Amino acid sequence: MAFKIVWTRTANETYKRLSAEAKTALAVRKKSKNKKSSRAEGLFNQVSKCVRQLSINPRHRGLQSHEFESMANPYQKDQKVFEAYVQQHTPGAYRVFWCYGPGKGELTIIAITPHP
């Protein structure tokens, strides 16, 4: 079952910022004729892949989704919030925090943040 992605304002702003940084880096890279992608491009590709995978299968093994107890569900306080890995073995590795809902067949991206 594919899930429809719903964004909180914070998560949407972070996603748009990462996208803009990647587009800027790509333009600079093309102008300098550099073939190696930048860190900003790689990070955005990883985040967007994680979100796509969450929409297809939130339990995908590569996401390593697990319950995250330090954050409250924005819709129902008794429901769980999950953390999915965007990166691993990287200082400040990014994570996507998400929950099911608000409606049936929907998945909400709560936040996209670097791991402390």
PDB file of N, CA and C in Angstrom:
ATOM      1  N   MET A   1       0.837  -1.179   0.000  1.00  0.00           N
ATOM      2  CA  MET A   1       0.000   0.000   0.000  1.00  0.00           C
ATOM      3  C   MET A   1       0.886   1.248   0.000  1.00  0.00           C
ATOM      4  N   ALA A   2       0.665   2.121  -0.938  1.00  0.00           N
ATOM      5  CA  ALA A   2       1.406   3.379  -0.991  1.00  0.00           C
ATOM      6  C   ALA A   2       0.719   4.409  -0.092  1.00  0.00           C
ATOM      7  N   PHE A   3       1.527   5.165   0.609  1.00  0.00           N
ATOM      8  CA  PHE A   3       1.006   6.184   1.507  1.00  0.00           C
ATOM      9  C   PHE A   3       1.108   7.555   0.858  1.00  0.00           C
ATOM     10  N   LYS A   4       0.131   8.390   1.130  1.00  0.00           N
ATOM     11  CA  LYS A   4       0.189   9.784   0.718  1.00  0.00           C
ATOM     12  C   LYS A   4       1.009  10.510   1.773  1.00  0.00           C
ATOM     13  N   ILE A   5       1.978  11.316   1.325  1.00  0.00           N
ATOM     14  CA  ILE A   5       2.836  12.038   2.258  1.00  0.00           C
ATOM     15  C   ILE A   5       2.201  13.378   2.616  1.00  0.00           C
ATOM     16  N   VAL A   6       2.109  13.639   3.919  1.00  0.00           N
ATOM     17  CA  VAL A   6       1.638  14.909   4.458  1.00  0.00           C
ATOM     18  C   VAL A   6       2.837  15.522   5.178  1.00  0.00           C
ATOM     19  N   TRP A   7       3.017  16.822   5.038  1.00  0.00           N
ATOM     20  CA  TRP A   7       4.169  17.495   5.623  1.00  0.00           C
ATOM     21  C   TRP A   7       3.744  18.460   6.725  1.00  0.00           C
ATOM     22  N   THR A   8       4.506  18.498   7.815  1.00  0.00           N
ATOM     23  CA  THR A   8       4.336  19.596   8.756  1.00  0.00           C
ATOM     24  C   THR A   8       5.039  20.801   8.148  1.00  0.00           C
ATOM     25  N   ARG A   9       4.727  21.972   8.629  1.00  0.00           N
ATOM     26  CA  ARG A   9       5.346  23.182   8.076  1.00  0.00           C
ATOM     27  C   ARG A   9       6.868  23.130   8.234  1.00  0.00           C
ATOM     28  N   THR A  10       7.336  22.705   9.396  1.00  0.00           N
ATOM     29  CA  THR A  10       8.781  22.634   9.659  1.00  0.00           C
ATOM     30  C   THR A  10       9.479  21.677   8.701  1.00  0.00           C
ATOM     31  N   ALA A  11       8.918  20.495   8.529  1.00  0.00           N
ATOM     32  CA  ALA A  11       9.522  19.508   7.641  1.00  0.00           C
ATOM     33  C   ALA A  11       9.510  20.001   6.194  1.00  0.00           C
ATOM     34  N   ASN A  12       8.419  20.624   5.790  1.00  0.00           N
ATOM     35  CA  ASN A  12       8.320  21.127   4.417  1.00  0.00           C
ATOM     36  C   ASN A  12       9.348  22.225   4.168  1.00  0.00           C
ATOM     37  N   GLU A  13       9.532  23.127   5.127  1.00  0.00           N
ATOM     38  CA  GLU A  13      10.525  24.186   4.991  1.00  0.00           C
ATOM     39  C   GLU A  13      11.935  23.615   4.899  1.00  0.00           C
ATOM     40  N   THR A  14      12.230  22.614   5.718  1.00  0.00           N
ATOM     41  CA  THR A  14      13.552  21.978   5.680  1.00  0.00           C
ATOM     42  C   THR A  14      13.776  21.298   4.337  1.00  0.00           C
ATOM     43  N   TYR A  15      12.763  20.583   3.844  1.00  0.00           N
ATOM     44  CA  TYR A  15      12.882  19.887   2.560  1.00  0.00           C
ATOM     45  C   TYR A  15      13.119  20.891   1.429  1.00  0.00           C
ATOM     46  N   LYS A  16      12.379  21.984   1.436  1.00  0.00           N
ATOM     47  CA  LYS A  16      12.546  23.012   0.401  1.00  0.00           C
ATOM     48  C   LYS A  16      13.918  23.668   0.487  1.00  0.00           C
ATOM     49  N   ARG A  17      14.414  23.905   1.704  1.00  0.00           N
ATOM     50  CA  ARG A  17      15.741  24.494   1.878  1.00  0.00           C
ATOM     51  C   ARG A  17      16.821  23.566   1.345  1.00  0.00           C
ATOM     52  N   LEU A  18      16.725  22.279   1.672  1.00  0.00           N
ATOM     53  CA  LEU A  18      17.696  21.308   1.178  1.00  0.00           C
ATOM     54  C   LEU A  18      17.651  21.221  -0.347  1.00  0.00           C
ATOM     55  N   SER A  19      16.445  21.290  -0.915  1.00  0.00           N
ATOM     56  CA  SER A  19      16.288  21.267  -2.363  1.00  0.00           C
ATOM     57  C   SER A  19      16.940  22.492  -3.009  1.00  0.00           C
ATOM     58  N   ALA A  20      16.707  23.657  -2.437  1.00  0.00           N
ATOM     59  CA  ALA A  20      17.284  24.891  -2.981  1.00  0.00           C
ATOM     60  C   ALA A  20      18.808  24.866  -2.898  1.00  0.00           C
ATOM     61  N   GLU A  21      19.342  24.382  -1.786  1.00  0.00           N
ATOM     62  CA  GLU A  21      20.796  24.283  -1.638  1.00  0.00           C
ATOM     63  C   GLU A  21      21.379  23.327  -2.670  1.00  0.00           C
ATOM     64  N   ALA A  22      20.685  22.224  -2.933  1.00  0.00           N
ATOM     65  CA  ALA A  22      21.158  21.255  -3.926  1.00  0.00           C
ATOM     66  C   ALA A  22      21.120  21.849  -5.331  1.00  0.00           C
ATOM     67  N   LYS A  23      20.060  22.585  -5.650  1.00  0.00           N
ATOM     68  CA  LYS A  23      19.963  23.215  -6.978  1.00  0.00           C
ATOM     69  C   LYS A  23      21.050  24.258  -7.173  1.00  0.00           C
ATOM     70  N   THR A  24      21.327  25.042  -6.140  1.00  0.00           N
ATOM     71  CA  THR A  24      22.396  26.036  -6.218  1.00  0.00           C
ATOM     72  C   THR A  24      23.742  25.359  -6.420  1.00  0.00           C
ATOM     73  N   ALA A  25      23.996  24.312  -5.661  1.00  0.00           N
ATOM     74  CA  ALA A  25      25.258  23.576  -5.776  1.00  0.00           C
ATOM     75  C   ALA A  25      25.405  22.956  -7.159  1.00  0.00           C
ATOM     76  N   LEU A  26      24.304  22.451  -7.709  1.00  0.00           N
ATOM     77  CA  LEU A  26      24.340  21.870  -9.050  1.00  0.00           C
ATOM     78  C   LEU A  26      24.676  22.930 -10.093  1.00  0.00           C
ATOM     79  N   ALA A  27      24.090  24.108  -9.963  1.00  0.00           N
ATOM     80  CA  ALA A  27      24.370  25.182 -10.916  1.00  0.00           C
ATOM     81  C   ALA A  27      25.840  25.595 -10.859  1.00  0.00           C
ATOM     82  N   VAL A  28      26.384  25.709  -9.651  1.00  0.00           N
ATOM     83  CA  VAL A  28      27.795  26.060  -9.488  1.00  0.00           C
ATOM     84  C   VAL A  28      28.679  24.963 -10.075  1.00  0.00           C
ATOM     85  N   ARG A  29      28.308  23.732  -9.819  1.00  0.00           N
ATOM     86  CA  ARG A  29      29.093  22.594 -10.320  1.00  0.00           C
ATOM     87  C   ARG A  29      29.094  22.555 -11.839  1.00  0.00           C
ATOM     88  N   LYS A  30      27.937  22.789 -12.456  1.00  0.00           N
ATOM     89  CA  LYS A  30      27.862  22.783 -13.919  1.00  0.00           C
ATOM     90  C   LYS A  30      28.673  23.935 -14.514  1.00  0.00           C
ATOM     91  N   LYS A  31      28.625  25.079 -13.843  1.00  0.00           N
ATOM     92  CA  LYS A  31      29.356  26.243 -14.329  1.00  0.00           C
ATOM     93  C   LYS A  31      30.866  25.990 -14.291  1.00  0.00           C
ATOM     94  N   SER A  32      31.325  25.315 -13.248  1.00  0.00           N
ATOM     95  CA  SER A  32      32.750  25.020 -13.119  1.00  0.00           C
ATOM     96  C   SER A  32      33.150  23.729 -13.831  1.00  0.00           C
ATOM     97  N   LYS A  33      32.182  23.065 -14.418  1.00  0.00           N
ATOM     98  CA  LYS A  33      32.399  21.808 -15.165  1.00  0.00           C
ATOM     99  C   LYS A  33      32.981  20.702 -14.290  1.00  0.00           C
ATOM    100  N   ASN A  34      32.621  20.744 -13.017  1.00  0.00           N
ATOM    101  CA  ASN A  34      33.038  19.711 -12.076  1.00  0.00           C
ATOM    102  C   ASN A  34      32.071  18.537 -12.205  1.00  0.00           C
ATOM    103  N   LYS A  35      32.572  17.337 -12.223  1.00  0.00           N
ATOM    104  CA  LYS A  35      31.717  16.160 -12.405  1.00  0.00           C
ATOM    105  C   LYS A  35      31.242  15.566 -11.083  1.00  0.00           C
ATOM    106  N   LYS A  36      31.965  15.836 -10.016  1.00  0.00           N
ATOM    107  CA  LYS A  36      31.612  15.246  -8.722  1.00  0.00           C
ATOM    108  C   LYS A  36      30.513  16.068  -8.054  1.00  0.00           C
ATOM    109  N   SER A  37      29.458  15.382  -7.640  1.00  0.00           N
ATOM    110  CA  SER A  37      28.352  16.091  -6.994  1.00  0.00           C
ATOM    111  C   SER A  37      28.770  16.591  -5.610  1.00  0.00           C
ATOM    112  N   SER A  38      28.113  17.648  -5.190  1.00  0.00           N
ATOM    113  CA  SER A  38      28.444  18.282  -3.915  1.00  0.00           C
ATOM    114  C   SER A  38      27.755  17.569  -2.756  1.00  0.00           C
ATOM    115  N   ARG A  39      28.146  17.948  -1.562  1.00  0.00           N
ATOM    116  CA  ARG A  39      27.538  17.397  -0.349  1.00  0.00           C
ATOM    117  C   ARG A  39      26.046  17.743  -0.287  1.00  0.00           C
ATOM    118  N   ALA A  40      25.693  18.982  -0.689  1.00  0.00           N
ATOM    119  CA  ALA A  40      24.291  19.408  -0.667  1.00  0.00           C
ATOM    120  C   ALA A  40      23.451  18.574  -1.634  1.00  0.00           C
ATOM    121  N   GLU A  41      23.995  18.294  -2.806  1.00  0.00           N
ATOM    122  CA  GLU A  41      23.267  17.465  -3.779  1.00  0.00           C
ATOM    123  C   GLU A  41      23.069  16.052  -3.239  1.00  0.00           C
ATOM    124  N   GLY A  42      24.112  15.487  -2.672  1.00  0.00           N
ATOM    125  CA  GLY A  42      24.025  14.135  -2.127  1.00  0.00           C
ATOM    126  C   GLY A  42      23.036  14.039  -0.983  1.00  0.00           C
ATOM    127  N   LEU A  43      23.066  15.023  -0.094  1.00  0.00           N
ATOM    128  CA  LEU A  43      22.151  15.018   1.049  1.00  0.00           C
ATOM    129  C   LEU A  43      20.701  15.096   0.570  1.00  0.00           C
ATOM    130  N   PHE A  44      20.413  15.998  -0.358  1.00  0.00           N
ATOM    131  CA  PHE A  44      19.038  16.110  -0.847  1.00  0.00           C
ATOM    132  C   PHE A  44      18.591  14.822  -1.527  1.00  0.00           C
ATOM    133  N   ASN A  45      19.475  14.211  -2.310  1.00  0.00           N
ATOM    134  CA  ASN A  45      19.125  12.940  -2.957  1.00  0.00           C
ATOM    135  C   ASN A  45      18.808  11.869  -1.918  1.00  0.00           C
ATOM    136  N   GLN A  46      19.576  11.828  -0.839  1.00  0.00           N
ATOM    137  CA  GLN A  46      19.340  10.844   0.210  1.00  0.00           C
ATOM    138  C   GLN A  46      18.027  11.099   0.942  1.00  0.00           C
ATOM    139  N   VAL A  47      17.746  12.361   1.240  1.00  0.00           N
ATOM    140  CA  VAL A  47      16.500  12.709   1.936  1.00  0.00           C
ATOM    141  C   VAL A  47      15.299  12.385   1.049  1.00  0.00           C
ATOM    142  N   SER A  48      15.362  12.765  -0.223  1.00  0.00           N
ATOM    143  CA  SER A  48      14.219  12.505  -1.107  1.00  0.00           C
ATOM    144  C   SER A  48      14.018  11.003  -1.322  1.00  0.00           C
ATOM    145  N   LYS A  49      15.105  10.246  -1.370  1.00  0.00           N
ATOM    146  CA  LYS A  49      14.983   8.790  -1.494  1.00  0.00           C
ATOM    147  C   LYS A  49      14.326   8.192  -0.251  1.00  0.00           C
ATOM    148  N   CYS A  50      14.703   8.701   0.919  1.00  0.00           N
ATOM    149  CA  CYS A  50      14.113   8.224   2.170  1.00  0.00           C
ATOM    150  C   CYS A  50      12.613   8.495   2.191  1.00  0.00           C
ATOM    151  N   VAL A  51      12.210   9.698   1.788  1.00  0.00           N
ATOM    152  CA  VAL A  51      10.781  10.053   1.775  1.00  0.00           C
ATOM    153  C   VAL A  51      10.026   9.182   0.773  1.00  0.00           C
ATOM    154  N   ARG A  52      10.611   8.960  -0.402  1.00  0.00           N
ATOM    155  CA  ARG A  52       9.973   8.074  -1.399  1.00  0.00           C
ATOM    156  C   ARG A  52       9.794   6.672  -0.839  1.00  0.00           C
ATOM    157  N   GLN A  53      10.845   6.164  -0.189  1.00  0.00           N
ATOM    158  CA  GLN A  53      10.777   4.814   0.368  1.00  0.00           C
ATOM    159  C   GLN A  53       9.742   4.735   1.487  1.00  0.00           C
ATOM    160  N   LEU A  54       9.635   5.777   2.300  1.00  0.00           N
ATOM    161  CA  LEU A  54       8.612   5.802   3.349  1.00  0.00           C
ATOM    162  C   LEU A  54       7.217   5.731   2.736  1.00  0.00           C
ATOM    163  N   SER A  55       7.004   6.421   1.627  1.00  0.00           N
ATOM    164  CA  SER A  55       5.679   6.411   1.001  1.00  0.00           C
ATOM    165  C   SER A  55       5.339   5.038   0.434  1.00  0.00           C
ATOM    166  N   ILE A  56       6.352   4.293   0.032  1.00  0.00           N
ATOM    167  CA  ILE A  56       6.121   2.956  -0.538  1.00  0.00           C
ATOM    168  C   ILE A  56       6.014   1.898   0.556  1.00  0.00           C
ATOM    169  N   ASN A  57       6.994   1.910   1.475  1.00  0.00           N
ATOM    170  CA  ASN A  57       7.048   0.893   2.520  1.00  0.00           C
ATOM    171  C   ASN A  57       7.787   1.438   3.740  1.00  0.00           C
ATOM    172  N   PRO A  58       7.067   1.983   4.717  1.00  0.00           N
ATOM    173  CA  PRO A  58       7.729   2.562   5.886  1.00  0.00           C
ATOM    174  C   PRO A  58       8.521   1.546   6.718  1.00  0.00           C
ATOM    175  N   ARG A  59       8.273   0.283   6.492  1.00  0.00           N
ATOM    176  CA  ARG A  59       8.991  -0.752   7.248  1.00  0.00           C
ATOM    177  C   ARG A  59      10.188  -1.321   6.478  1.00  0.00           C
ATOM    178  N   HIS A  60      10.554  -0.661   5.389  1.00  0.00           N
ATOM    179  CA  HIS A  60      11.698  -1.120   4.591  1.00  0.00           C
ATOM    180  C   HIS A  60      12.923  -1.238   5.483  1.00  0.00           C
ATOM    181  N   ARG A  61      13.630  -2.325   5.339  1.00  0.00           N
ATOM    182  CA  ARG A  61      14.760  -2.627   6.214  1.00  0.00           C
ATOM    183  C   ARG A  61      15.853  -1.556   6.177  1.00  0.00           C
ATOM    184  N   GLY A  62      16.092  -0.974   5.018  1.00  0.00           N
ATOM    185  CA  GLY A  62      17.143   0.022   4.867  1.00  0.00           C
ATOM    186  C   GLY A  62      16.871   1.313   5.617  1.00  0.00           C
ATOM    187  N   LEU A  63      15.609   1.593   5.886  1.00  0.00           N
ATOM    188  CA  LEU A  63      15.263   2.811   6.618  1.00  0.00           C
ATOM    189  C   LEU A  63      15.536   2.682   8.112  1.00  0.00           C
ATOM    190  N   GLN A  64      15.568   1.478   8.590  1.00  0.00           N
ATOM    191  CA  GLN A  64      15.747   1.187  10.011  1.00  0.00           C
ATOM    192  C   GLN A  64      14.776   1.994  10.867  1.00  0.00           C
ATOM    193  N   SER A  65      13.539   2.072  10.416  1.00  0.00           N
ATOM    194  CA  SER A  65      12.509   2.811  11.156  1.00  0.00           C
ATOM    195  C   SER A  65      12.276   2.162  12.511  1.00  0.00           C
ATOM    196  N   HIS A  66      12.225   2.999  13.523  1.00  0.00           N
ATOM    197  CA  HIS A  66      11.936   2.515  14.873  1.00  0.00           C
ATOM    198  C   HIS A  66      11.253   3.622  15.652  1.00  0.00           C
ATOM    199  N   GLU A  67      10.593   3.221  16.718  1.00  0.00           N
ATOM    200  CA  GLU A  67       9.851   4.179  17.540  1.00  0.00           C
ATOM    201  C   GLU A  67      10.805   5.190  18.177  1.00  0.00           C
ATOM    202  N   PHE A  68      10.360   6.427  18.208  1.00  0.00           N
ATOM    203  CA  PHE A  68      11.127   7.507  18.816  1.00  0.00           C
ATOM    204  C   PHE A  68      10.261   8.097  19.914  1.00  0.00           C
ATOM    205  N   GLU A  69      10.679   7.947  21.150  1.00  0.00           N
ATOM    206  CA  GLU A  69       9.826   8.295  22.278  1.00  0.00           C
ATOM    207  C   GLU A  69       9.936   9.742  22.739  1.00  0.00           C
ATOM    208  N   SER A  70      10.929  10.480  22.272  1.00  0.00           N
ATOM    209  CA  SER A  70      11.143  11.847  22.762  1.00  0.00           C
ATOM    210  C   SER A  70      10.332  12.905  22.018  1.00  0.00           C
ATOM    211  N   MET A  71       9.495  12.494  21.102  1.00  0.00           N
ATOM    212  CA  MET A  71       8.706  13.443  20.321  1.00  0.00           C
ATOM    213  C   MET A  71       7.241  13.016  20.367  1.00  0.00           C
ATOM    214  N   ALA A  72       6.367  13.996  20.518  1.00  0.00           N
ATOM    215  CA  ALA A  72       4.935  13.706  20.597  1.00  0.00           C
ATOM    216  C   ALA A  72       4.315  13.677  19.201  1.00  0.00           C
ATOM    217  N   ASN A  73       3.363  12.792  19.035  1.00  0.00           N
ATOM    218  CA  ASN A  73       2.611  12.717  17.788  1.00  0.00           C
ATOM    219  C   ASN A  73       1.765  13.990  17.658  1.00  0.00           C
ATOM    220  N   PRO A  74       1.812  14.678  16.506  1.00  0.00           N
ATOM    221  CA  PRO A  74       1.073  15.936  16.380  1.00  0.00           C
ATOM    222  C   PRO A  74      -0.442  15.767  16.296  1.00  0.00           C
ATOM    223  N   TYR A  75      -0.920  14.556  16.072  1.00  0.00           N
ATOM    224  CA  TYR A  75      -2.356  14.333  15.903  1.00  0.00           C
ATOM    225  C   TYR A  75      -2.995  13.662  17.105  1.00  0.00           C
ATOM    226  N   GLN A  76      -2.392  12.576  17.561  1.00  0.00           N
ATOM    227  CA  GLN A  76      -2.926  11.836  18.707  1.00  0.00           C
ATOM    228  C   GLN A  76      -1.771  11.525  19.646  1.00  0.00           C
ATOM    229  N   LYS A  77      -1.831  12.077  20.827  1.00  0.00           N
ATOM    230  CA  LYS A  77      -0.724  11.957  21.775  1.00  0.00           C
ATOM    231  C   LYS A  77      -0.412  10.516  22.172  1.00  0.00           C
ATOM    232  N   ASP A  78      -1.378   9.627  22.034  1.00  0.00           N
ATOM    233  CA  ASP A  78      -1.151   8.234  22.412  1.00  0.00           C
ATOM    234  C   ASP A  78      -0.567   7.397  21.272  1.00  0.00           C
ATOM    235  N   GLN A  79      -0.433   7.969  20.083  1.00  0.00           N
ATOM    236  CA  GLN A  79       0.110   7.242  18.932  1.00  0.00           C
ATOM    237  C   GLN A  79       1.624   7.450  18.839  1.00  0.00           C
ATOM    238  N   LYS A  80       2.299   6.539  18.147  1.00  0.00           N
ATOM    239  CA  LYS A  80       3.754   6.536  18.083  1.00  0.00           C
ATOM    240  C   LYS A  80       4.302   7.489  17.021  1.00  0.00           C
ATOM    241  N   VAL A  81       5.518   7.941  17.264  1.00  0.00           N
ATOM    242  CA  VAL A  81       6.318   8.683  16.289  1.00  0.00           C
ATOM    243  C   VAL A  81       7.518   7.788  15.976  1.00  0.00           C
ATOM    244  N   PHE A  82       7.933   7.778  14.707  1.00  0.00           N
ATOM    245  CA  PHE A  82       9.030   6.919  14.277  1.00  0.00           C
ATOM    246  C   PHE A  82      10.187   7.749  13.726  1.00  0.00           C
ATOM    247  N   GLU A  83      11.357   7.149  13.763  1.00  0.00           N
ATOM    248  CA  GLU A  83      12.566   7.756  13.224  1.00  0.00           C
ATOM    249  C   GLU A  83      13.071   6.844  12.112  1.00  0.00           C
ATOM    250  N   ALA A  84      13.375   7.428  10.951  1.00  0.00           N
ATOM    251  CA  ALA A  84      13.945   6.679   9.835  1.00  0.00           C
ATOM    252  C   ALA A  84      15.319   7.259   9.517  1.00  0.00           C
ATOM    253  N   TYR A  85      16.252   6.390   9.188  1.00  0.00           N
ATOM    254  CA  TYR A  85      17.614   6.826   8.901  1.00  0.00           C
ATOM    255  C   TYR A  85      17.717   7.298   7.456  1.00  0.00           C
ATOM    256  N   VAL A  86      18.268   8.489   7.268  1.00  0.00           N
ATOM    257  CA  VAL A  86      18.613   8.978   5.936  1.00  0.00           C
ATOM    258  C   VAL A  86      20.055   8.596   5.651  1.00  0.00           C
ATOM    259  N   GLN A  87      20.896   8.747   6.660  1.00  0.00           N
ATOM    260  CA  GLN A  87      22.318   8.435   6.558  1.00  0.00           C
ATOM    261  C   GLN A  87      22.738   7.627   7.778  1.00  0.00           C
ATOM    262  N   GLN A  88      23.863   6.907   7.606  1.00  0.00           N
ATOM    263  CA  GLN A  88      24.431   6.172   8.722  1.00  0.00           C
ATOM    264  C   GLN A  88      25.929   6.399   8.743  1.00  0.00           C
ATOM    265  N   HIS A  89      26.532   6.203   9.899  1.00  0.00           N
ATOM    266  CA  HIS A  89      27.986   6.287  10.042  1.00  0.00           C
ATOM    267  C   HIS A  89      28.543   7.589   9.482  1.00  0.00           C
ATOM    268  N   THR A  90      27.806   8.663   9.695  1.00  0.00           N
ATOM    269  CA  THR A  90      28.203   9.989   9.236  1.00  0.00           C
ATOM    270  C   THR A  90      28.011  10.951  10.399  1.00  0.00           C
ATOM    271  N   PRO A  91      28.994  11.795  10.694  1.00  0.00           N
ATOM    272  CA  PRO A  91      28.776  12.783  11.746  1.00  0.00           C
ATOM    273  C   PRO A  91      27.595  13.685  11.382  1.00  0.00           C
ATOM    274  N   GLY A  92      26.661  13.836  12.286  1.00  0.00           N
ATOM    275  CA  GLY A  92      25.466  14.646  12.013  1.00  0.00           C
ATOM    276  C   GLY A  92      24.549  14.006  10.995  1.00  0.00           C
ATOM    277  N   ALA A  93      24.496  12.687  10.977  1.00  0.00           N
ATOM    278  CA  ALA A  93      23.665  11.963  10.014  1.00  0.00           C
ATOM    279  C   ALA A  93      22.214  12.410  10.115  1.00  0.00           C
ATOM    280  N   TYR A  94      21.574  12.582   8.972  1.00  0.00           N
ATOM    281  CA  TYR A  94      20.192  13.069   8.950  1.00  0.00           C
ATOM    282  C   TYR A  94      19.198  11.961   9.264  1.00  0.00           C
ATOM    283  N   ARG A  95      18.093  12.377   9.885  1.00  0.00           N
ATOM    284  CA  ARG A  95      16.983  11.493  10.235  1.00  0.00           C
ATOM    285  C   ARG A  95      15.678  12.133   9.796  1.00  0.00           C
ATOM    286  N   VAL A  96      14.696  11.290   9.491  1.00  0.00           N
ATOM    287  CA  VAL A  96      13.341  11.751   9.187  1.00  0.00           C
ATOM    288  C   VAL A  96      12.435  11.213  10.282  1.00  0.00           C
ATOM    289  N   PHE A  97      11.698  12.111  10.920  1.00  0.00           N
ATOM    290  CA  PHE A  97      10.745  11.726  11.958  1.00  0.00           C
ATOM    291  C   PHE A  97       9.361  11.764  11.340  1.00  0.00           C
ATOM    292  N   TRP A  98       8.597  10.705  11.569  1.00  0.00           N
ATOM    293  CA  TRP A  98       7.303  10.578  10.904  1.00  0.00           C
ATOM    294  C   TRP A  98       6.313   9.832  11.777  1.00  0.00           C
ATOM    295  N   CYS A  99       5.037   9.908  11.374  1.00  0.00           N
ATOM    296  CA  CYS A  99       3.971   9.174  12.056  1.00  0.00           C
ATOM    297  C   CYS A  99       2.895   8.830  11.035  1.00  0.00           C
ATOM    298  N   TYR A 100       2.049   7.905  11.392  1.00  0.00           N
ATOM    299  CA  TYR A 100       0.908   7.572  10.545  1.00  0.00           C
ATOM    300  C   TYR A 100      -0.183   8.613  10.777  1.00  0.00           C
ATOM    301  N   GLY A 101      -0.889   8.957   9.703  1.00  0.00           N
ATOM    302  CA  GLY A 101      -2.027   9.862   9.850  1.00  0.00           C
ATOM    303  C   GLY A 101      -1.780  11.187   9.186  1.00  0.00           C
ATOM    304  N   PRO A 102      -2.699  12.103   9.244  1.00  0.00           N
ATOM    305  CA  PRO A 102      -3.885  12.117  10.089  1.00  0.00           C
ATOM    306  C   PRO A 102      -5.005  11.224   9.567  1.00  0.00           C
ATOM    307  N   GLY A 103      -5.040  10.992   8.264  1.00  0.00           N
ATOM    308  CA  GLY A 103      -6.096  10.157   7.704  1.00  0.00           C
ATOM    309  C   GLY A 103      -5.585   8.772   7.352  1.00  0.00           C
ATOM    310  N   LYS A 104      -6.505   7.927   6.955  1.00  0.00           N
ATOM    311  CA  LYS A 104      -6.150   6.579   6.553  1.00  0.00           C
ATOM    312  C   LYS A 104      -5.329   6.644   5.264  1.00  0.00           C
ATOM    313  N   GLY A 105      -4.258   5.883   5.222  1.00  0.00           N
ATOM    314  CA  GLY A 105      -3.412   5.856   4.044  1.00  0.00           C
ATOM    315  C   GLY A 105      -2.481   7.058   3.929  1.00  0.00           C
ATOM    316  N   GLU A 106      -2.354   7.814   5.030  1.00  0.00           N
ATOM    317  CA  GLU A 106      -1.474   8.979   5.024  1.00  0.00           C
ATOM    318  C   GLU A 106      -0.333   8.786   6.017  1.00  0.00           C
ATOM    319  N   LEU A 107       0.788   9.387   5.700  1.00  0.00           N
ATOM    320  CA  LEU A 107       1.969   9.333   6.534  1.00  0.00           C
ATOM    321  C   LEU A 107       2.490  10.764   6.635  1.00  0.00           C
ATOM    322  N   THR A 108       2.714  11.255   7.842  1.00  0.00           N
ATOM    323  CA  THR A 108       3.141  12.641   8.044  1.00  0.00           C
ATOM    324  C   THR A 108       4.633  12.695   8.347  1.00  0.00           C
ATOM    325  N   ILE A 109       5.336  13.520   7.580  1.00  0.00           N
ATOM    326  CA  ILE A 109       6.735  13.808   7.862  1.00  0.00           C
ATOM    327  C   ILE A 109       6.731  14.963   8.867  1.00  0.00           C
ATOM    328  N   ILE A 110       7.207  14.680  10.076  1.00  0.00           N
ATOM    329  CA  ILE A 110       7.182  15.670  11.147  1.00  0.00           C
ATOM    330  C   ILE A 110       8.403  16.569  11.090  1.00  0.00           C
ATOM    331  N   ALA A 111       9.571  15.966  10.892  1.00  0.00           N
ATOM    332  CA  ALA A 111      10.813  16.750  10.887  1.00  0.00           C
ATOM    333  C   ALA A 111      11.895  16.025  10.113  1.00  0.00           C
ATOM    334  N   ILE A 112      12.811  16.803   9.556  1.00  0.00           N
ATOM    335  CA  ILE A 112      14.014  16.289   8.902  1.00  0.00           C
ATOM    336  C   ILE A 112      15.166  17.012   9.569  1.00  0.00           C
ATOM    337  N   THR A 113      15.963  16.272  10.337  1.00  0.00           N
ATOM    338  CA  THR A 113      17.015  16.926  11.121  1.00  0.00           C
ATOM    339  C   THR A 113      18.292  16.102  11.140  1.00  0.00           C
ATOM    340  N   PRO A 114      19.433  16.779  11.376  1.00  0.00           N
ATOM    341  CA  PRO A 114      20.661  16.029  11.608  1.00  0.00           C
ATOM    342  C   PRO A 114      20.628  15.425  13.003  1.00  0.00           C
ATOM    343  N   HIS A 115      21.214  14.279  13.141  1.00  0.00           N
ATOM    344  CA  HIS A 115      21.286  13.601  14.435  1.00  0.00           C
ATOM    345  C   HIS A 115      22.236  14.369  15.339  1.00  0.00           C
ATOM    346  N   PRO A 116      21.842  14.607  16.569  1.00  0.00           N
ATOM    347  CA  PRO A 116      22.728  15.378  17.481  1.00  0.00           C
ATOM    348  C   PRO A 116      24.009  14.642  17.814  1.00  0.00           C
TER     349      PRO A 116
END
